[in-house]
Amino acid sequence: MQMLPANTTDISHPDLFQLFLKQLKKDFEYSNINIDFVEDLTADYDLILAALAKQMNILIKNTNFKLNELLYRIDISEQQIAKINKAKPNTEFVLLISELIIKRILQKVVIKEMHRKGN
C-alpha cells in the first residue's frame, strides 16, 4: 500500500482515509470535542474541509479554549496559523485552520505508517 498522498489534498486512498478518520476522531475525542460529524465524512477533501470549517465555527462561537486545546493536541502552532493567514489573507480563518488540521493529521498518519513498516 502506498501511504504517501500525491498532494496534501489527496486522501482518496481507502486505507489512508480510514487512518485519517481514526486519527481525526482520536484528536477530537482527546480534546473533548463532539465528533458526530466525522461519521458522515467521505474521502473528498472539499467535503472534509467544509465539515471541519463548520465545526471550527462552532468552537470559536462557543469557546475558544476548546479550539486552542484541539490545535495543541494536533500540534498546530500559532506560527503556522500566522504563516498561512499571511499567505492566504483573503481566505476565511476557519478554512485556514481546517486546512492546517487536515494537512497535519495526514502528516501524522503517514509518519506513523512509515514507522510501523520500518521505513
N, C-alpha and C. Protein backbone atom coordinates (compact mmCIF):
# COMPACT_ATOMS: atom_id res chain seq x y z
N MET A 1 0.85 -1.19 0.00
CA MET A 1 0.00 0.00 0.00
C MET A 1 0.89 1.24 0.00
N GLN A 2 0.66 2.14 -0.91
CA GLN A 2 1.39 3.40 -0.94
C GLN A 2 0.68 4.37 0.00
N MET A 3 1.37 4.83 1.03
CA MET A 3 0.74 5.69 2.04
C MET A 3 0.89 7.17 1.73
N LEU A 4 1.89 7.55 0.97
CA LEU A 4 2.10 8.97 0.73
C LEU A 4 1.10 9.49 -0.28
N PRO A 5 0.30 10.49 0.10
CA PRO A 5 -0.63 11.06 -0.86
C PRO A 5 0.12 11.83 -1.94
N ALA A 6 -0.49 11.91 -3.11
CA ALA A 6 0.13 12.64 -4.21
C ALA A 6 0.30 14.11 -3.87
N ASN A 7 -0.62 14.65 -3.11
CA ASN A 7 -0.53 16.02 -2.61
C ASN A 7 -1.30 16.10 -1.30
N THR A 8 -1.30 17.25 -0.69
CA THR A 8 -1.91 17.37 0.64
C THR A 8 -3.43 17.30 0.62
N THR A 9 -4.02 17.29 -0.55
CA THR A 9 -5.48 17.18 -0.61
C THR A 9 -5.91 15.79 -1.07
N ASP A 10 -4.97 14.88 -1.29
CA ASP A 10 -5.30 13.54 -1.79
C ASP A 10 -5.43 12.55 -0.64
N ILE A 11 -6.64 12.38 -0.16
CA ILE A 11 -6.89 11.39 0.88
C ILE A 11 -7.88 10.35 0.37
N SER A 12 -7.89 10.16 -0.93
CA SER A 12 -8.87 9.28 -1.55
C SER A 12 -8.54 7.79 -1.41
N HIS A 13 -7.30 7.45 -1.14
CA HIS A 13 -6.95 6.04 -0.96
C HIS A 13 -7.70 5.51 0.26
N PRO A 14 -8.47 4.42 0.12
CA PRO A 14 -9.31 3.93 1.23
C PRO A 14 -8.56 3.70 2.53
N ASP A 15 -7.38 3.08 2.47
CA ASP A 15 -6.62 2.82 3.70
C ASP A 15 -6.18 4.12 4.36
N LEU A 16 -5.70 5.03 3.55
CA LEU A 16 -5.26 6.32 4.07
C LEU A 16 -6.43 7.08 4.68
N PHE A 17 -7.56 7.05 4.01
CA PHE A 17 -8.74 7.76 4.52
C PHE A 17 -9.19 7.17 5.85
N GLN A 18 -9.20 5.86 5.98
CA GLN A 18 -9.61 5.23 7.24
C GLN A 18 -8.66 5.60 8.38
N LEU A 19 -7.38 5.62 8.10
CA LEU A 19 -6.40 6.03 9.12
C LEU A 19 -6.57 7.50 9.47
N PHE A 20 -6.87 8.31 8.46
CA PHE A 20 -7.13 9.73 8.68
C PHE A 20 -8.32 9.91 9.61
N LEU A 21 -9.42 9.20 9.33
CA LEU A 21 -10.61 9.30 10.18
C LEU A 21 -10.33 8.86 11.61
N LYS A 22 -9.60 7.78 11.74
CA LYS A 22 -9.25 7.27 13.08
C LYS A 22 -8.46 8.31 13.87
N GLN A 23 -7.48 8.92 13.23
CA GLN A 23 -6.66 9.94 13.91
C GLN A 23 -7.48 11.19 14.21
N LEU A 24 -8.34 11.59 13.28
CA LEU A 24 -9.20 12.76 13.48
C LEU A 24 -10.11 12.53 14.69
N LYS A 25 -10.73 11.37 14.76
CA LYS A 25 -11.60 11.03 15.90
C LYS A 25 -10.81 11.07 17.20
N LYS A 26 -9.64 10.47 17.17
CA LYS A 26 -8.80 10.41 18.37
C LYS A 26 -8.46 11.81 18.87
N ASP A 27 -8.03 12.68 17.97
CA ASP A 27 -7.65 14.03 18.37
C ASP A 27 -8.84 14.82 18.90
N PHE A 28 -10.00 14.67 18.27
CA PHE A 28 -11.18 15.37 18.74
C PHE A 28 -11.66 14.81 20.08
N GLU A 29 -11.67 13.50 20.22
CA GLU A 29 -12.10 12.89 21.48
C GLU A 29 -11.20 13.30 22.63
N TYR A 30 -9.88 13.29 22.42
CA TYR A 30 -8.95 13.66 23.47
C TYR A 30 -9.07 15.13 23.85
N SER A 31 -9.64 15.92 22.97
CA SER A 31 -9.86 17.34 23.26
C SER A 31 -11.28 17.60 23.75
N ASN A 32 -12.02 16.52 23.99
CA ASN A 32 -13.40 16.60 24.48
C ASN A 32 -14.30 17.44 23.58
N ILE A 33 -14.19 17.17 22.28
CA ILE A 33 -14.98 17.89 21.29
C ILE A 33 -15.88 16.88 20.58
N ASN A 34 -17.12 17.27 20.34
CA ASN A 34 -18.09 16.43 19.66
C ASN A 34 -17.54 15.97 18.31
N ILE A 35 -17.63 14.67 18.06
CA ILE A 35 -17.10 14.12 16.81
C ILE A 35 -18.18 13.51 15.93
N ASP A 36 -19.43 13.80 16.20
CA ASP A 36 -20.52 13.23 15.42
C ASP A 36 -20.38 13.49 13.93
N PHE A 37 -19.86 14.64 13.57
CA PHE A 37 -19.73 15.00 12.16
C PHE A 37 -18.78 14.08 11.39
N VAL A 38 -17.87 13.44 12.09
CA VAL A 38 -16.86 12.60 11.45
C VAL A 38 -17.49 11.38 10.77
N GLU A 39 -18.57 10.87 11.34
CA GLU A 39 -19.21 9.68 10.80
C GLU A 39 -19.74 9.89 9.38
N ASP A 40 -20.06 11.12 9.03
CA ASP A 40 -20.63 11.41 7.72
C ASP A 40 -19.59 11.77 6.66
N LEU A 41 -18.34 11.79 7.03
CA LEU A 41 -17.30 12.21 6.08
C LEU A 41 -17.03 11.13 5.03
N THR A 42 -16.73 11.61 3.84
CA THR A 42 -16.29 10.73 2.76
C THR A 42 -14.89 11.18 2.35
N ALA A 43 -14.25 10.40 1.54
CA ALA A 43 -12.86 10.69 1.15
C ALA A 43 -12.80 11.78 0.09
N ASP A 44 -13.38 12.91 0.40
CA ASP A 44 -13.41 14.06 -0.50
C ASP A 44 -12.85 15.26 0.27
N TYR A 45 -11.72 15.76 -0.18
CA TYR A 45 -11.04 16.85 0.53
C TYR A 45 -11.95 18.05 0.76
N ASP A 46 -12.66 18.48 -0.26
CA ASP A 46 -13.51 19.67 -0.13
C ASP A 46 -14.63 19.48 0.89
N LEU A 47 -15.21 18.27 0.93
CA LEU A 47 -16.27 17.99 1.91
C LEU A 47 -15.70 17.93 3.33
N ILE A 48 -14.53 17.36 3.47
CA ILE A 48 -13.88 17.31 4.78
C ILE A 48 -13.54 18.72 5.24
N LEU A 49 -13.01 19.52 4.33
CA LEU A 49 -12.67 20.91 4.65
C LEU A 49 -13.91 21.67 5.10
N ALA A 50 -15.01 21.52 4.40
CA ALA A 50 -16.25 22.22 4.75
C ALA A 50 -16.79 21.75 6.11
N ALA A 51 -16.75 20.44 6.36
CA ALA A 51 -17.23 19.90 7.64
C ALA A 51 -16.38 20.40 8.79
N LEU A 52 -15.06 20.41 8.61
CA LEU A 52 -14.18 20.92 9.66
C LEU A 52 -14.38 22.41 9.88
N ALA A 53 -14.55 23.17 8.81
CA ALA A 53 -14.77 24.61 8.94
C ALA A 53 -16.04 24.88 9.73
N LYS A 54 -17.07 24.11 9.48
CA LYS A 54 -18.32 24.26 10.23
C LYS A 54 -18.09 23.98 11.72
N GLN A 55 -17.34 22.92 12.00
CA GLN A 55 -17.03 22.58 13.39
C GLN A 55 -16.16 23.65 14.03
N MET A 56 -15.21 24.22 13.29
CA MET A 56 -14.36 25.28 13.82
C MET A 56 -15.19 26.52 14.16
N ASN A 57 -16.17 26.84 13.32
CA ASN A 57 -17.07 27.96 13.61
C ASN A 57 -17.79 27.75 14.93
N ILE A 58 -18.27 26.54 15.15
CA ILE A 58 -18.97 26.21 16.40
C ILE A 58 -18.02 26.39 17.59
N LEU A 59 -16.80 25.89 17.46
CA LEU A 59 -15.84 26.00 18.55
C LEU A 59 -15.50 27.46 18.86
N ILE A 60 -15.32 28.24 17.81
CA ILE A 60 -14.97 29.65 18.01
C ILE A 60 -16.12 30.39 18.68
N LYS A 61 -17.34 30.12 18.28
CA LYS A 61 -18.51 30.80 18.86
C LYS A 61 -18.75 30.38 20.30
N ASN A 62 -18.54 29.09 20.59
CA ASN A 62 -18.86 28.58 21.92
C ASN A 62 -17.73 28.76 22.92
N THR A 63 -16.55 28.38 22.52
CA THR A 63 -15.41 28.51 23.43
C THR A 63 -14.10 28.40 22.66
N ASN A 64 -13.34 29.43 22.74
CA ASN A 64 -12.03 29.44 22.08
C ASN A 64 -11.07 28.47 22.76
N PHE A 65 -11.32 28.19 24.04
CA PHE A 65 -10.45 27.29 24.79
C PHE A 65 -10.39 25.91 24.15
N LYS A 66 -11.53 25.38 23.73
CA LYS A 66 -11.58 24.05 23.11
C LYS A 66 -10.81 24.04 21.78
N LEU A 67 -10.93 25.12 21.02
CA LEU A 67 -10.19 25.22 19.77
C LEU A 67 -8.69 25.22 20.05
N ASN A 68 -8.27 25.99 21.02
CA ASN A 68 -6.85 26.03 21.38
C ASN A 68 -6.36 24.66 21.84
N GLU A 69 -7.18 23.98 22.62
CA GLU A 69 -6.83 22.64 23.09
C GLU A 69 -6.68 21.67 21.92
N LEU A 70 -7.61 21.75 20.97
CA LEU A 70 -7.55 20.89 19.79
C LEU A 70 -6.30 21.17 18.96
N LEU A 71 -6.02 22.43 18.71
CA LEU A 71 -4.85 22.78 17.91
C LEU A 71 -3.56 22.33 18.60
N TYR A 72 -3.52 22.44 19.92
CA TYR A 72 -2.36 21.97 20.67
C TYR A 72 -2.24 20.45 20.53
N ARG A 73 -3.35 19.77 20.66
CA ARG A 73 -3.38 18.30 20.56
C ARG A 73 -2.90 17.82 19.19
N ILE A 74 -3.35 18.50 18.15
CA ILE A 74 -2.99 18.12 16.78
C ILE A 74 -1.57 18.57 16.46
N ASP A 75 -1.06 19.53 17.20
CA ASP A 75 0.29 20.07 17.02
C ASP A 75 0.34 21.10 15.89
N ILE A 76 -0.53 22.09 16.01
CA ILE A 76 -0.54 23.22 15.09
C ILE A 76 -0.19 24.46 15.91
N SER A 77 0.88 25.11 15.51
CA SER A 77 1.37 26.25 16.29
C SER A 77 0.76 27.57 15.83
N GLU A 78 0.89 28.57 16.67
CA GLU A 78 0.45 29.92 16.32
C GLU A 78 1.23 30.45 15.12
N GLN A 79 2.49 30.06 15.04
CA GLN A 79 3.33 30.49 13.92
C GLN A 79 2.80 29.92 12.60
N GLN A 80 2.38 28.66 12.61
CA GLN A 80 1.82 28.05 11.41
C GLN A 80 0.53 28.77 10.99
N ILE A 81 -0.28 29.11 11.97
CA ILE A 81 -1.53 29.82 11.69
C ILE A 81 -1.23 31.19 11.10
N ALA A 82 -0.29 31.90 11.71
CA ALA A 82 0.08 33.23 11.21
C ALA A 82 0.65 33.15 9.80
N LYS A 83 1.47 32.12 9.55
CA LYS A 83 2.08 31.96 8.23
C LYS A 83 1.03 31.72 7.15
N ILE A 84 0.10 30.83 7.40
CA ILE A 84 -0.91 30.54 6.38
C ILE A 84 -1.90 31.70 6.24
N ASN A 85 -2.15 32.40 7.34
CA ASN A 85 -3.03 33.57 7.30
C ASN A 85 -2.40 34.68 6.45
N LYS A 86 -1.09 34.82 6.55
CA LYS A 86 -0.38 35.82 5.76
C LYS A 86 -0.33 35.41 4.28
N ALA A 87 -0.14 34.12 4.04
CA ALA A 87 -0.05 33.61 2.66
C ALA A 87 -1.40 33.65 1.94
N LYS A 88 -2.48 33.52 2.71
CA LYS A 88 -3.82 33.50 2.13
C LYS A 88 -4.73 34.49 2.87
N PRO A 89 -4.45 35.78 2.75
CA PRO A 89 -5.17 36.79 3.55
C PRO A 89 -6.66 36.90 3.21
N ASN A 90 -7.07 36.46 2.05
CA ASN A 90 -8.48 36.59 1.65
C ASN A 90 -9.29 35.33 1.93
N THR A 91 -8.69 34.36 2.61
CA THR A 91 -9.38 33.10 2.93
C THR A 91 -9.93 33.18 4.35
N GLU A 92 -11.13 32.66 4.53
CA GLU A 92 -11.76 32.64 5.86
C GLU A 92 -10.85 31.93 6.86
N PHE A 93 -10.81 32.47 8.06
CA PHE A 93 -9.95 31.93 9.11
C PHE A 93 -10.28 30.46 9.40
N VAL A 94 -11.58 30.12 9.46
CA VAL A 94 -11.94 28.73 9.78
C VAL A 94 -11.50 27.77 8.67
N LEU A 95 -11.47 28.24 7.44
CA LEU A 95 -10.98 27.39 6.35
C LEU A 95 -9.47 27.18 6.46
N LEU A 96 -8.76 28.22 6.87
CA LEU A 96 -7.32 28.10 7.06
C LEU A 96 -6.99 27.10 8.16
N ILE A 97 -7.70 27.21 9.27
CA ILE A 97 -7.50 26.30 10.39
C ILE A 97 -7.83 24.87 9.96
N SER A 98 -8.92 24.72 9.25
CA SER A 98 -9.34 23.39 8.79
C SER A 98 -8.32 22.78 7.84
N GLU A 99 -7.77 23.59 6.97
CA GLU A 99 -6.73 23.12 6.05
C GLU A 99 -5.51 22.64 6.82
N LEU A 100 -5.10 23.41 7.82
CA LEU A 100 -3.96 23.01 8.65
C LEU A 100 -4.24 21.70 9.38
N ILE A 101 -5.45 21.54 9.88
CA ILE A 101 -5.82 20.32 10.59
C ILE A 101 -5.72 19.12 9.66
N ILE A 102 -6.28 19.23 8.48
CA ILE A 102 -6.24 18.12 7.52
C ILE A 102 -4.80 17.76 7.19
N LYS A 103 -4.01 18.76 6.87
CA LYS A 103 -2.61 18.51 6.49
C LYS A 103 -1.83 17.87 7.63
N ARG A 104 -2.02 18.37 8.84
CA ARG A 104 -1.26 17.83 9.98
C ARG A 104 -1.69 16.41 10.32
N ILE A 105 -2.98 16.13 10.26
CA ILE A 105 -3.43 14.78 10.56
C ILE A 105 -2.95 13.81 9.48
N LEU A 106 -2.99 14.22 8.23
CA LEU A 106 -2.43 13.37 7.17
C LEU A 106 -0.95 13.11 7.41
N GLN A 107 -0.25 14.14 7.80
CA GLN A 107 1.17 14.01 8.08
C GLN A 107 1.40 13.01 9.22
N LYS A 108 0.63 13.11 10.28
CA LYS A 108 0.76 12.19 11.41
C LYS A 108 0.50 10.75 10.98
N VAL A 109 -0.52 10.56 10.17
CA VAL A 109 -0.88 9.22 9.70
C VAL A 109 0.23 8.62 8.86
N VAL A 110 0.75 9.39 7.92
CA VAL A 110 1.81 8.90 7.03
C VAL A 110 3.06 8.58 7.84
N ILE A 111 3.44 9.44 8.76
CA ILE A 111 4.63 9.20 9.58
C ILE A 111 4.46 7.94 10.42
N LYS A 112 3.29 7.77 11.04
CA LYS A 112 3.05 6.57 11.85
C LYS A 112 3.15 5.31 11.00
N GLU A 113 2.59 5.35 9.80
CA GLU A 113 2.64 4.19 8.91
C GLU A 113 4.06 3.88 8.46
N MET A 114 4.83 4.91 8.20
CA MET A 114 6.22 4.71 7.80
C MET A 114 7.01 4.06 8.93
N HIS A 115 6.77 4.52 10.16
CA HIS A 115 7.47 3.93 11.30
C HIS A 115 7.00 2.51 11.57
N ARG A 116 5.71 2.28 11.39
CA ARG A 116 5.15 0.96 11.62
C ARG A 116 5.75 -0.06 10.64
N LYS A 117 5.97 0.38 9.43
CA LYS A 117 6.53 -0.50 8.41
C LYS A 117 8.05 -0.55 8.43
N GLY A 118 8.66 0.30 9.26
CA GLY A 118 10.11 0.31 9.38
C GLY A 118 10.81 1.04 8.27
N ASN A 119 10.11 1.96 7.61
CA ASN A 119 10.73 2.74 6.50
C ASN A 119 11.53 3.88 7.03
